[in-house]
Amino acid sequence: MTRRTRRSVARTLTLAAAAAFALPALASVSADAETSAPAVTAAAPFSLWAPAKMTVYAYGNQVWSDLGLRMIAEDAPLELWSTRSSYDDPIQTVWRSGTGDVTLPEGSMKDFGGLRNFVQLSIEKVGGGFSKTTTRTACLNTYSERVRPDAPARSPYPRSCYYNPYSLGSVQGVQTGWAAPVLTQDRPLRLQPGRYDVTATINPAYAAVFGLTPTDATRELRLIVKKDGGGSGPGPVPVGRGHSGRPVQPAAHEPASAAGGLVADTKPDLRALPAWGIRVANNGNYLQFSATVWNAGDSPLVVDGFRRAGEDEMDAYQYFFDADGNQTGYQLVGSMHWDPKPTHLHWHFEDFATYTLLNADMTEVVKSHKEAFCLAPTDAVDQTVPNAAWNVDNSDLTTACGDYGSLSVREVLASGWGDTYAQFRAGQSFNLKGLANGDYYVAVNANPLDRLVESSTANNQSLRKVHISGTEGHRKVTVDQVGVIIEPTWNFEGGF
């Protein structure tokens, strides 16, 4: 994907603008607060649009709607890049304007889920009796649509604000002449049937950065809430490991030699993130965790498998691609096997990663039996690395884990993306029976046998210190926080 080069011109907000940001909540949204922030010389990159009237349905007094509120990118794409230097540092976000990078207020993003407190909604029931005010995060990477006939036919930007607690960088954007919802639909408004007047106002600190006047930053609409006739209603859509579309398959016969062509100058670079979501299973004997291996290189990791005649095994070849996406060569790197277990029923590439529990002197004490994988980009870890794939489901370099009749499969880990597996099944989680209490390390190791070709193997391991206590059947685990990262409290039980 082509990236335009822009010169980086950092612009610093004054203390007045920082005061107007008012995190974690907006104390007030007024013309006085907005005019206290410095003016930005660049033209406003987007306009705010809302319908005059919107009809929605309440499911148990829950309204799942974006209210029709849209951001329209005007003369250039609205593009935001967010990065963190380390897990000890907060996320920094810049608007990549046509005249240089404009820094957004400190704290704009707590994680990579979107811009915090971007818009305030003031809702009043027509005729009185009810009013509420709420602030919402904005993710620019939601459903978008072309709204001008002269706008580009496609948008390159990601279609979600992806989540991993240890992500390092993201890109958000709205294509020129396209519109994207301001509000996501993963959090409902609690409203009873009736008619409401809604005023949506962009946070003054954001409005100042983007050059929006108080009028430009505010829209009003009449909201009509009707009672749904039945059913449980819509809700947030769960995200799994599935992949839309069917990738172009490799040929149904393997190469004549174990290697051919050239290894390109661009290569994948596999790295391990800290183990996360660490807990003891309900039976008190097994240490469960989630592990992510990601590709920080400037080329995708592409592994094609070719079935051996009469066997449930495939020979696995890594293919190499130059900076323009042209294939340059290949190399035999291992094998794939058919996994018949009901929760799998697809082809696994072996030796992609290993998970081990080490004692204080770094000696292995327990090893996870998870050593084979259906490679797939489940988590966007850093979409700002060179040649990162902003979207991973609309090209021929996508993953198909295959079925029992497959003669060949292609499995891909795109640049900037990680593959997350949760170790909660028996045999994959660490058995704590007979293990002494004390300090240990959860080690996540990428490319453990050094079979895959990558630009560096010095960053393939991550270590996460844990303290085990308690008695058999009632073990406990204590894990120190990593930097400023706050991990989710929900349980992640996924992975192939």
Protein backbone atom coordinates (compact mmCIF):
# COMPACT_ATOMS: atom_id res chain seq x y z
CA MET A 1 0.00 0.00 0.00
CA THR A 2 1.36 3.35 -0.99
CA ARG A 3 2.03 5.75 1.84
CA ARG A 4 2.30 9.46 1.11
CA THR A 5 5.35 11.13 2.63
CA ARG A 6 4.59 14.16 4.75
CA ARG A 7 6.98 16.35 6.61
CA SER A 8 6.42 16.19 10.35
CA VAL A 9 5.69 19.60 11.81
CA ALA A 10 4.71 19.20 15.46
CA ARG A 11 2.36 21.83 16.79
CA THR A 12 1.88 22.29 20.51
CA LEU A 13 -1.40 23.30 22.11
CA THR A 14 -1.35 26.03 24.73
CA LEU A 15 -2.42 25.44 28.32
CA ALA A 16 -5.78 27.00 27.51
CA ALA A 17 -6.49 24.32 24.92
CA ALA A 18 -5.41 21.60 27.34
CA ALA A 19 -7.78 23.00 29.96
CA ALA A 20 -10.64 22.91 27.47
CA PHE A 21 -10.03 19.19 26.92
CA ALA A 22 -11.34 18.41 30.43
CA LEU A 23 -10.75 14.67 30.68
CA PRO A 24 -12.22 12.36 31.78
CA ALA A 25 -15.47 14.27 31.37
CA LEU A 26 -16.46 17.51 29.67
CA ALA A 27 -17.19 20.03 32.38
CA SER A 28 -18.87 22.34 29.90
CA VAL A 29 -19.19 22.84 26.19
CA SER A 30 -19.64 26.49 25.38
CA ALA A 31 -18.59 29.12 22.91
CA ASP A 32 -16.42 30.71 25.61
CA ALA A 33 -14.56 27.43 26.22
CA GLU A 34 -14.02 26.90 22.54
CA THR A 35 -12.76 30.38 21.73
CA SER A 36 -10.21 30.13 24.55
CA ALA A 37 -8.24 27.60 22.50
CA PRO A 38 -5.79 28.78 19.86
CA ALA A 39 -6.90 28.91 16.25
CA VAL A 40 -5.46 26.38 13.82
CA THR A 41 -4.43 27.84 10.49
CA ALA A 42 -5.29 24.75 8.43
CA ALA A 43 -8.79 24.58 6.98
CA ALA A 44 -11.17 22.26 8.80
CA PRO A 45 -10.60 18.78 7.35
CA PHE A 46 -14.17 17.63 7.87
CA SER A 47 -17.72 18.85 8.26
CA LEU A 48 -20.28 17.52 10.70
CA TRP A 49 -23.63 16.30 9.35
CA ALA A 50 -26.81 15.02 10.96
CA PRO A 51 -30.33 14.28 9.65
CA ALA A 52 -33.14 16.58 10.71
CA LYS A 53 -35.05 13.61 12.07
CA MET A 54 -34.09 10.06 12.97
CA THR A 55 -36.36 7.15 13.89
CA VAL A 56 -34.89 4.33 15.97
CA TYR A 57 -36.21 1.38 17.98
CA ALA A 58 -35.77 0.61 21.65
CA TYR A 59 -35.07 -2.96 22.73
CA GLY A 60 -35.71 -3.10 26.44
CA ASN A 61 -35.19 0.69 26.58
CA GLN A 62 -31.82 0.26 24.85
CA VAL A 63 -31.22 2.14 21.60
CA TRP A 64 -28.37 0.85 19.44
CA SER A 65 -27.84 3.61 16.90
CA ASP A 66 -25.22 6.04 15.57
CA LEU A 67 -28.02 8.65 15.32
CA GLY A 68 -27.03 9.33 11.72
CA LEU A 69 -24.25 11.69 12.87
CA ARG A 70 -21.49 11.78 10.22
CA MET A 71 -18.03 13.25 9.64
CA ILE A 72 -17.45 14.14 5.96
CA ALA A 73 -13.84 14.52 4.82
CA GLU A 74 -13.76 17.57 2.56
CA ASP A 75 -10.72 18.47 0.41
CA ALA A 76 -8.29 15.81 1.66
CA PRO A 77 -8.41 12.61 3.70
CA LEU A 78 -8.83 13.01 7.44
CA GLU A 79 -5.98 10.84 8.71
CA LEU A 80 -4.80 10.24 12.29
CA TRP A 81 -1.71 8.29 13.34
CA SER A 82 -1.36 7.12 16.94
CA THR A 83 1.76 5.59 18.49
CA ARG A 84 3.33 4.80 21.84
CA SER A 85 7.11 4.70 22.32
CA SER A 86 6.90 2.07 25.05
CA TYR A 87 4.39 0.58 27.47
CA ASP A 88 5.51 3.20 30.00
CA ASP A 89 4.42 6.03 27.72
CA PRO A 90 0.96 7.36 26.82
CA ILE A 91 -0.36 7.21 23.28
CA GLN A 92 0.45 10.24 21.11
CA THR A 93 -1.90 11.09 18.23
CA VAL A 94 -1.28 13.42 15.30
CA TRP A 95 -3.55 14.64 12.52
CA ARG A 96 -1.59 14.30 9.28
CA SER A 97 -2.75 17.52 7.66
CA GLY A 98 -1.61 18.77 4.27
CA THR A 99 0.78 21.26 5.92
CA GLY A 100 2.29 18.92 8.50
CA ASP A 101 1.50 16.87 11.58
CA VAL A 102 -0.81 18.51 14.12
CA THR A 103 -0.62 17.05 17.62
CA LEU A 104 -3.91 16.23 19.31
CA PRO A 105 -4.34 16.97 23.04
CA GLU A 106 -2.54 14.75 25.53
CA GLY A 107 -4.79 11.89 26.59
CA SER A 108 -6.82 11.86 23.36
CA MET A 109 -6.47 8.09 23.30
CA LYS A 110 -6.28 5.94 26.42
CA ASP A 111 -6.06 2.85 24.22
CA PHE A 112 -6.41 2.36 20.48
CA GLY A 113 -10.20 2.23 20.59
CA GLY A 114 -10.72 5.80 19.37
CA LEU A 115 -10.71 9.46 20.43
CA ARG A 116 -11.86 9.81 24.03
CA ASN A 117 -14.76 12.11 24.86
CA PHE A 118 -14.91 13.28 21.26
CA VAL A 119 -18.56 14.27 21.23
CA GLN A 120 -21.11 15.31 23.86
CA LEU A 121 -24.76 14.34 23.43
CA SER A 122 -27.41 16.43 25.17
CA ILE A 123 -30.79 14.68 25.02
CA GLU A 124 -34.08 16.26 26.14
CA LYS A 125 -37.52 14.73 25.87
CA VAL A 126 -39.94 16.91 23.95
CA GLY A 127 -42.33 18.43 26.48
CA GLY A 128 -39.89 17.97 29.36
CA GLY A 129 -39.63 15.39 32.09
CA PHE A 130 -36.35 13.85 31.00
CA SER A 131 -32.88 15.01 30.04
CA LYS A 132 -29.42 13.51 30.04
CA THR A 133 -25.91 14.37 28.88
CA THR A 134 -23.29 11.82 27.88
CA THR A 135 -19.90 11.85 26.17
CA ARG A 136 -18.75 9.31 23.63
CA THR A 137 -15.55 8.04 22.06
CA ALA A 138 -15.21 8.33 18.28
CA CYS A 139 -13.57 5.68 16.10
CA LEU A 140 -13.05 6.98 12.57
CA ASN A 141 -12.61 3.43 11.27
CA THR A 142 -16.23 2.38 11.13
CA TYR A 143 -18.56 1.92 8.19
CA SER A 144 -17.98 4.70 5.66
CA GLU A 145 -19.61 5.66 2.37
CA ARG A 146 -18.82 7.83 -0.62
CA VAL A 147 -20.99 10.97 -0.61
CA ARG A 148 -19.64 12.83 -3.66
CA PRO A 149 -19.58 11.55 -7.25
CA ASP A 150 -16.01 12.84 -7.72
CA ALA A 151 -14.70 11.12 -4.56
CA PRO A 152 -12.20 8.23 -4.86
CA ALA A 153 -13.88 4.91 -5.54
CA ARG A 154 -12.21 3.16 -2.59
CA SER A 155 -11.07 3.97 0.90
CA PRO A 156 -7.71 2.58 2.12
CA TYR A 157 -8.40 3.07 5.82
CA PRO A 158 -8.95 0.35 8.42
CA ARG A 159 -12.54 -0.68 9.05
CA SER A 160 -12.30 -0.95 12.82
CA CYS A 161 -10.41 0.36 15.83
CA TYR A 162 -8.88 -2.99 16.72
CA TYR A 163 -8.07 -3.98 20.29
CA ASN A 164 -5.10 -5.63 21.91
CA PRO A 165 -3.90 -4.27 25.27
CA TYR A 166 -0.32 -4.27 24.01
CA SER A 167 -0.86 -2.66 20.61
CA LEU A 168 1.74 -0.04 19.64
CA GLY A 169 0.27 1.99 16.79
CA SER A 170 -2.87 2.61 14.78
CA VAL A 171 -4.20 4.56 11.83
CA GLN A 172 -7.67 6.10 11.61
CA GLY A 173 -9.02 7.83 8.55
CA VAL A 174 -11.88 9.03 6.39
CA GLN A 175 -11.32 9.17 2.64
CA THR A 176 -11.82 12.44 0.74
CA GLY A 177 -15.50 12.88 -0.12
CA TRP A 178 -16.52 10.02 2.16
CA ALA A 179 -18.60 10.07 5.34
CA ALA A 180 -18.04 8.01 8.48
CA PRO A 181 -20.24 7.71 11.60
CA VAL A 182 -19.13 9.75 14.60
CA LEU A 183 -20.69 7.27 17.04
CA THR A 184 -20.11 3.55 17.23
CA GLN A 185 -22.96 1.16 18.00
CA ASP A 186 -21.18 -0.93 20.63
CA ARG A 187 -22.76 1.02 23.50
CA PRO A 188 -26.50 1.70 23.71
CA LEU A 189 -28.40 4.81 24.75
CA ARG A 190 -30.96 4.05 27.45
CA LEU A 191 -34.13 5.76 26.27
CA GLN A 192 -37.80 4.98 26.57
CA PRO A 193 -40.10 5.34 23.56
CA GLY A 194 -40.86 8.99 22.85
CA ARG A 195 -39.61 12.07 21.01
CA TYR A 196 -36.31 13.72 21.93
CA ASP A 197 -34.26 16.73 20.88
CA VAL A 198 -30.59 15.81 20.55
CA THR A 199 -27.69 18.25 20.38
CA ALA A 200 -24.31 16.77 19.40
CA THR A 201 -21.25 18.92 20.10
CA ILE A 202 -17.62 18.08 19.37
CA ASN A 203 -15.35 18.58 22.38
CA PRO A 204 -13.93 22.16 22.22
CA ALA A 205 -10.31 20.98 22.39
CA TYR A 206 -10.79 18.75 19.33
CA ALA A 207 -12.76 21.46 17.54
CA ALA A 208 -9.90 23.90 18.11
CA VAL A 209 -7.32 21.52 16.68
CA PHE A 210 -9.41 20.83 13.58
CA GLY A 211 -10.37 24.48 13.07
CA LEU A 212 -14.11 24.07 13.64
CA THR A 213 -16.18 27.05 14.75
CA PRO A 214 -18.82 26.57 17.48
CA THR A 215 -21.49 26.42 14.79
CA ASP A 216 -19.53 23.92 12.70
CA ALA A 217 -18.96 21.73 15.76
CA THR A 218 -22.64 21.40 16.70
CA ARG A 219 -25.62 19.66 15.10
CA GLU A 220 -29.21 19.16 16.25
CA LEU A 221 -31.74 16.49 15.35
CA ARG A 222 -35.14 15.19 16.42
CA LEU A 223 -34.92 11.60 17.65
CA ILE A 224 -38.06 9.45 17.57
CA VAL A 225 -37.77 6.31 19.67
CA LYS A 226 -40.30 3.55 19.02
CA LYS A 227 -40.85 0.36 20.93
CA ASP A 228 -39.69 -2.75 19.14
CA GLY A 229 -42.38 -5.30 18.39
CA GLY A 230 -40.47 -8.26 19.81
CA GLY A 231 -37.22 -10.17 19.82
CA SER A 232 -34.04 -9.54 21.72
CA GLY A 233 -32.96 -6.79 19.35
CA PRO A 234 -29.57 -5.88 18.00
CA GLY A 235 -26.43 -5.47 20.01
CA PRO A 236 -22.68 -5.30 19.65
CA VAL A 237 -21.35 -7.65 16.99
CA PRO A 238 -18.76 -10.08 18.36
CA VAL A 239 -15.45 -10.24 16.51
CA GLY A 240 -13.96 -13.67 15.92
CA ARG A 241 -11.16 -15.22 13.92
CA GLY A 242 -13.28 -15.64 10.78
CA HIS A 243 -12.16 -14.06 7.53
CA SER A 244 -14.43 -12.78 4.80
CA GLY A 245 -13.80 -13.66 1.21
CA ARG A 246 -11.78 -16.58 -0.14
CA PRO A 247 -8.11 -15.98 -0.85
CA VAL A 248 -6.38 -16.95 -4.06
CA GLN A 249 -5.05 -20.44 -3.45
CA PRO A 250 -1.55 -21.61 -4.30
CA ALA A 251 -1.16 -24.20 -7.04
CA ALA A 252 -2.37 -27.69 -6.09
CA HIS A 253 1.13 -29.16 -6.37
CA GLU A 254 4.26 -28.23 -4.47
CA PRO A 255 7.48 -26.77 -5.92
CA ALA A 256 10.00 -29.14 -7.48
CA SER A 257 12.79 -28.08 -5.11
CA ALA A 258 13.08 -27.10 -1.44
CA ALA A 259 13.97 -23.52 -2.36
CA GLY A 260 13.83 -21.29 -5.38
CA GLY A 261 14.18 -17.69 -6.47
CA LEU A 262 15.44 -15.03 -4.11
CA VAL A 263 14.74 -13.92 -0.55
CA ALA A 264 13.53 -10.34 -0.94
CA ASP A 265 15.09 -7.39 0.87
CA THR A 266 11.73 -6.88 2.60
CA LYS A 267 11.04 -9.54 5.22
CA PRO A 268 8.64 -10.32 8.06
CA ASP A 269 9.85 -9.74 11.61
CA LEU A 270 8.10 -11.89 14.21
CA ARG A 271 7.88 -10.48 17.71
CA ALA A 272 6.18 -11.67 20.89
CA LEU A 273 3.96 -9.42 23.00
CA PRO A 274 3.74 -9.90 26.78
CA ALA A 275 1.36 -12.67 27.81
CA TRP A 276 -1.91 -11.14 29.00
CA GLY A 277 -5.26 -12.07 30.52
CA ILE A 278 -3.36 -14.27 32.98
CA ARG A 279 -5.53 -16.09 35.51
CA VAL A 280 -5.98 -19.44 37.30
CA ALA A 281 -8.71 -21.69 35.92
CA ASN A 282 -11.84 -22.26 37.97
CA ASN A 283 -10.54 -25.68 39.08
CA GLY A 284 -7.60 -23.92 40.73
CA ASN A 285 -4.90 -26.00 39.03
CA TYR A 286 -4.16 -24.46 35.62
CA LEU A 287 -2.60 -21.15 34.64
CA GLN A 288 -4.43 -19.66 31.65
CA PHE A 289 -3.26 -16.79 29.48
CA SER A 290 -3.47 -15.17 26.05
CA ALA A 291 -0.42 -14.87 23.81
CA THR A 292 0.16 -12.73 20.73
CA VAL A 293 2.92 -13.08 18.13
CA TRP A 294 2.95 -10.26 15.60
CA ASN A 295 4.72 -9.26 12.40
CA ALA A 296 6.64 -5.98 12.70
CA GLY A 297 8.41 -6.45 9.37
CA ASP A 298 7.92 -4.68 6.06
CA SER A 299 6.61 -7.82 4.31
CA PRO A 300 3.83 -10.27 5.13
CA LEU A 301 4.59 -13.75 6.43
CA VAL A 302 3.13 -16.04 3.75
CA VAL A 303 3.17 -19.81 4.24
CA ASP A 304 1.69 -22.16 1.62
CA GLY A 305 1.02 -25.80 2.37
CA PHE A 306 0.93 -28.59 -0.26
CA ARG A 307 -0.58 -31.94 0.62
CA ARG A 308 1.50 -35.09 0.47
CA ALA A 309 -0.11 -37.84 -1.58
CA GLY A 310 -2.19 -40.13 0.63
CA GLU A 311 -1.34 -38.31 3.87
CA ASP A 312 -2.95 -35.85 6.27
CA GLU A 313 0.25 -33.79 6.13
CA MET A 314 1.40 -30.87 4.00
CA ASP A 315 4.84 -29.55 3.17
CA ALA A 316 4.99 -25.87 4.16
CA TYR A 317 6.83 -23.25 2.11
CA GLN A 318 7.45 -19.63 3.02
CA TYR A 319 7.07 -17.27 0.06
CA PHE A 320 8.91 -13.96 -0.25
CA PHE A 321 7.63 -10.67 -1.66
CA ASP A 322 9.37 -7.43 -2.61
CA ALA A 323 8.22 -3.94 -1.61
CA ASP A 324 5.86 -3.81 -4.61
CA GLY A 325 4.16 -7.04 -3.58
CA ASN A 326 5.77 -9.21 -6.27
CA GLN A 327 6.72 -12.77 -5.35
CA THR A 328 10.51 -13.30 -5.52
CA GLY A 329 11.07 -16.81 -4.18
CA TYR A 330 10.24 -19.53 -1.67
CA GLN A 331 11.79 -21.89 0.87
CA LEU A 332 10.69 -25.10 2.61
CA VAL A 333 10.15 -24.21 6.29
CA GLY A 334 8.35 -27.16 7.85
CA SER A 335 5.00 -28.87 7.65
CA MET A 336 1.28 -28.55 8.28
CA HIS A 337 -0.97 -31.24 9.69
CA TRP A 338 -4.70 -31.84 9.69
CA ASP A 339 -6.27 -31.33 13.14
CA PRO A 340 -9.41 -33.48 13.46
CA LYS A 341 -10.54 -32.16 16.84
CA PRO A 342 -14.10 -30.71 16.74
CA THR A 343 -12.92 -27.21 17.72
CA HIS A 344 -10.39 -27.15 14.87
CA LEU A 345 -11.05 -29.24 11.73
CA HIS A 346 -8.47 -27.38 9.66
CA TRP A 347 -4.77 -27.32 8.78
CA HIS A 348 -2.17 -26.18 11.32
CA PHE A 349 1.32 -24.87 10.59
CA GLU A 350 3.78 -26.31 13.09
CA ASP A 351 6.56 -24.48 14.94
CA PHE A 352 5.18 -20.95 14.66
CA ALA A 353 5.42 -20.35 18.43
CA THR A 354 5.88 -22.07 21.78
CA TYR A 355 4.71 -21.15 25.27
CA THR A 356 6.70 -22.19 28.35
CA LEU A 357 6.65 -21.51 32.08
CA LEU A 358 10.13 -20.77 33.41
CA ASN A 359 11.29 -20.69 37.02
CA ALA A 360 13.34 -17.85 38.52
CA ASP A 361 16.61 -19.10 36.96
CA MET A 362 14.95 -19.27 33.51
CA THR A 363 14.76 -23.06 33.43
CA GLU A 364 11.70 -24.58 31.77
CA VAL A 365 9.29 -26.23 34.21
CA VAL A 366 6.08 -26.56 32.17
CA LYS A 367 5.47 -26.44 28.42
CA SER A 368 2.21 -25.78 26.62
CA HIS A 369 1.19 -28.42 24.09
CA LYS A 370 0.03 -25.67 21.74
CA GLU A 371 2.65 -25.82 18.97
CA ALA A 372 0.59 -25.71 15.78
CA PHE A 373 -1.38 -22.81 14.40
CA CYS A 374 -3.72 -21.57 11.73
CA LEU A 375 -1.85 -18.32 11.04
CA ALA A 376 -4.26 -15.41 10.82
CA PRO A 377 -4.25 -11.66 11.58
CA THR A 378 -6.55 -11.39 14.59
CA ASP A 379 -5.17 -8.21 16.20
CA ALA A 380 -3.85 -4.98 14.67
CA VAL A 381 -0.71 -4.35 16.75
CA ASP A 382 0.99 -1.51 14.86
CA GLN A 383 -0.50 -0.15 11.63
CA THR A 384 2.25 2.49 11.40
CA VAL A 385 5.14 0.12 10.59
CA PRO A 386 6.49 0.31 6.99
CA ASN A 387 4.20 -1.46 4.50
CA ALA A 388 1.65 -2.28 7.22
CA ALA A 389 -1.63 -3.69 5.93
CA TRP A 390 -4.45 -1.41 7.04
CA ASN A 391 -7.04 -3.99 5.96
CA VAL A 392 -6.45 -7.72 5.76
CA ASP A 393 -9.60 -9.21 4.24
CA ASN A 394 -9.69 -7.73 0.75
CA SER A 395 -6.63 -9.13 -1.02
CA ASP A 396 -5.28 -12.46 -2.25
CA LEU A 397 -2.84 -12.54 0.67
CA THR A 398 -5.36 -13.74 3.22
CA THR A 399 -5.72 -16.87 5.29
CA ALA A 400 -7.64 -20.04 4.48
CA CYS A 401 -7.15 -22.82 7.01
CA GLY A 402 -8.73 -25.29 4.59
CA ASP A 403 -10.87 -28.37 5.04
CA TYR A 404 -10.10 -32.06 4.98
CA GLY A 405 -10.27 -32.22 1.19
CA SER A 406 -7.84 -29.35 0.62
CA LEU A 407 -4.83 -30.04 -1.59
CA SER A 408 -3.20 -26.75 -0.63
CA VAL A 409 -3.75 -23.85 1.77
CA ARG A 410 -2.33 -20.38 2.25
CA GLU A 411 -1.84 -18.88 5.73
CA VAL A 412 -0.74 -15.26 6.18
CA LEU A 413 0.28 -12.90 8.95
CA ALA A 414 0.21 -9.40 7.49
CA SER A 415 2.65 -6.64 8.38
CA GLY A 416 1.55 -4.79 11.52
CA TRP A 417 -0.78 -7.59 12.65
CA GLY A 418 -0.65 -10.21 15.39
CA ASP A 419 -2.10 -13.67 15.91
CA THR A 420 -3.58 -14.14 19.39
CA TYR A 421 -4.29 -17.49 21.01
CA ALA A 422 -5.86 -18.01 24.43
CA GLN A 423 -4.39 -20.91 26.35
CA PHE A 424 -7.43 -22.15 28.25
CA ARG A 425 -7.83 -25.69 26.98
CA ALA A 426 -6.38 -28.62 28.95
CA GLY A 427 -2.88 -29.32 27.68
CA GLN A 428 -2.39 -25.75 26.47
CA SER A 429 -2.61 -23.96 29.81
CA PHE A 430 0.16 -24.60 32.36
CA ASN A 431 -0.48 -27.40 34.85
CA LEU A 432 0.36 -26.10 38.33
CA LYS A 433 -0.04 -29.45 40.13
CA GLY A 434 3.09 -30.25 42.11
CA LEU A 435 4.62 -26.85 41.32
CA ALA A 436 6.13 -24.99 44.28
CA ASN A 437 4.84 -21.52 45.08
CA GLY A 438 7.08 -18.69 43.97
CA ASP A 439 8.05 -16.48 41.05
CA TYR A 440 7.87 -17.74 37.47
CA TYR A 441 7.91 -16.32 33.94
CA VAL A 442 5.45 -16.94 31.13
CA ALA A 443 7.64 -17.08 28.01
CA VAL A 444 6.13 -16.53 24.57
CA ASN A 445 8.56 -17.60 21.84
CA ALA A 446 8.08 -16.83 18.14
CA ASN A 447 9.73 -18.94 15.44
CA PRO A 448 11.30 -21.20 18.11
CA LEU A 449 13.22 -23.45 15.69
CA ASP A 450 14.35 -20.55 13.49
CA ARG A 451 12.80 -22.14 10.41
CA LEU A 452 10.94 -19.08 9.21
CA VAL A 453 12.96 -16.40 7.41
CA GLU A 454 12.71 -13.01 9.11
CA SER A 455 14.74 -9.84 9.45
CA SER A 456 15.67 -10.41 13.11
CA THR A 457 15.38 -13.17 15.70
CA ALA A 458 16.62 -11.00 18.59
CA ASN A 459 13.06 -9.93 19.51
CA ASN A 460 11.29 -13.29 19.34
CA GLN A 461 10.76 -13.84 23.06
CA SER A 462 8.74 -11.99 25.68
CA LEU A 463 8.75 -12.76 29.41
CA ARG A 464 5.95 -11.96 31.87
CA LYS A 465 6.69 -12.42 35.56
CA VAL A 466 3.99 -14.11 37.67
CA HIS A 467 3.82 -15.11 41.33
CA ILE A 468 2.11 -18.42 42.16
CA SER A 469 0.67 -18.99 45.64
CA GLY A 470 -2.04 -21.02 47.39
CA THR A 471 -2.58 -24.77 47.70
CA GLU A 472 -3.34 -27.47 45.14
CA GLY A 473 -6.82 -26.95 43.76
CA HIS A 474 -6.82 -23.39 45.09
CA ARG A 475 -3.84 -21.80 43.39
CA LYS A 476 -3.64 -18.04 42.91
CA VAL A 477 -1.63 -15.87 40.55
CA THR A 478 -0.38 -12.31 40.98
CA VAL A 479 0.85 -10.36 37.96
CA ASP A 480 2.54 -6.98 37.99
CA GLN A 481 1.16 -4.32 35.67
CA VAL A 482 3.21 -3.57 32.57
CA GLY A 483 3.85 0.17 32.33
CA VAL A 484 0.63 2.15 31.97
CA ILE A 485 -1.29 -0.71 30.31
CA ILE A 486 -4.65 -1.60 31.84
CA GLU A 487 -5.66 -5.07 30.72
CA PRO A 488 -9.31 -6.05 30.20
CA THR A 489 -11.12 -7.94 32.93
CA TRP A 490 -13.21 -10.04 30.54
CA ASN A 491 -12.15 -13.58 29.73
CA PHE A 492 -10.79 -14.22 26.25
CA GLU A 493 -11.49 -17.79 25.25
CA GLY A 494 -10.73 -18.00 21.55
CA GLY A 495 -8.11 -19.11 19.11
CA PHE A 496 -7.72 -22.06 16.84
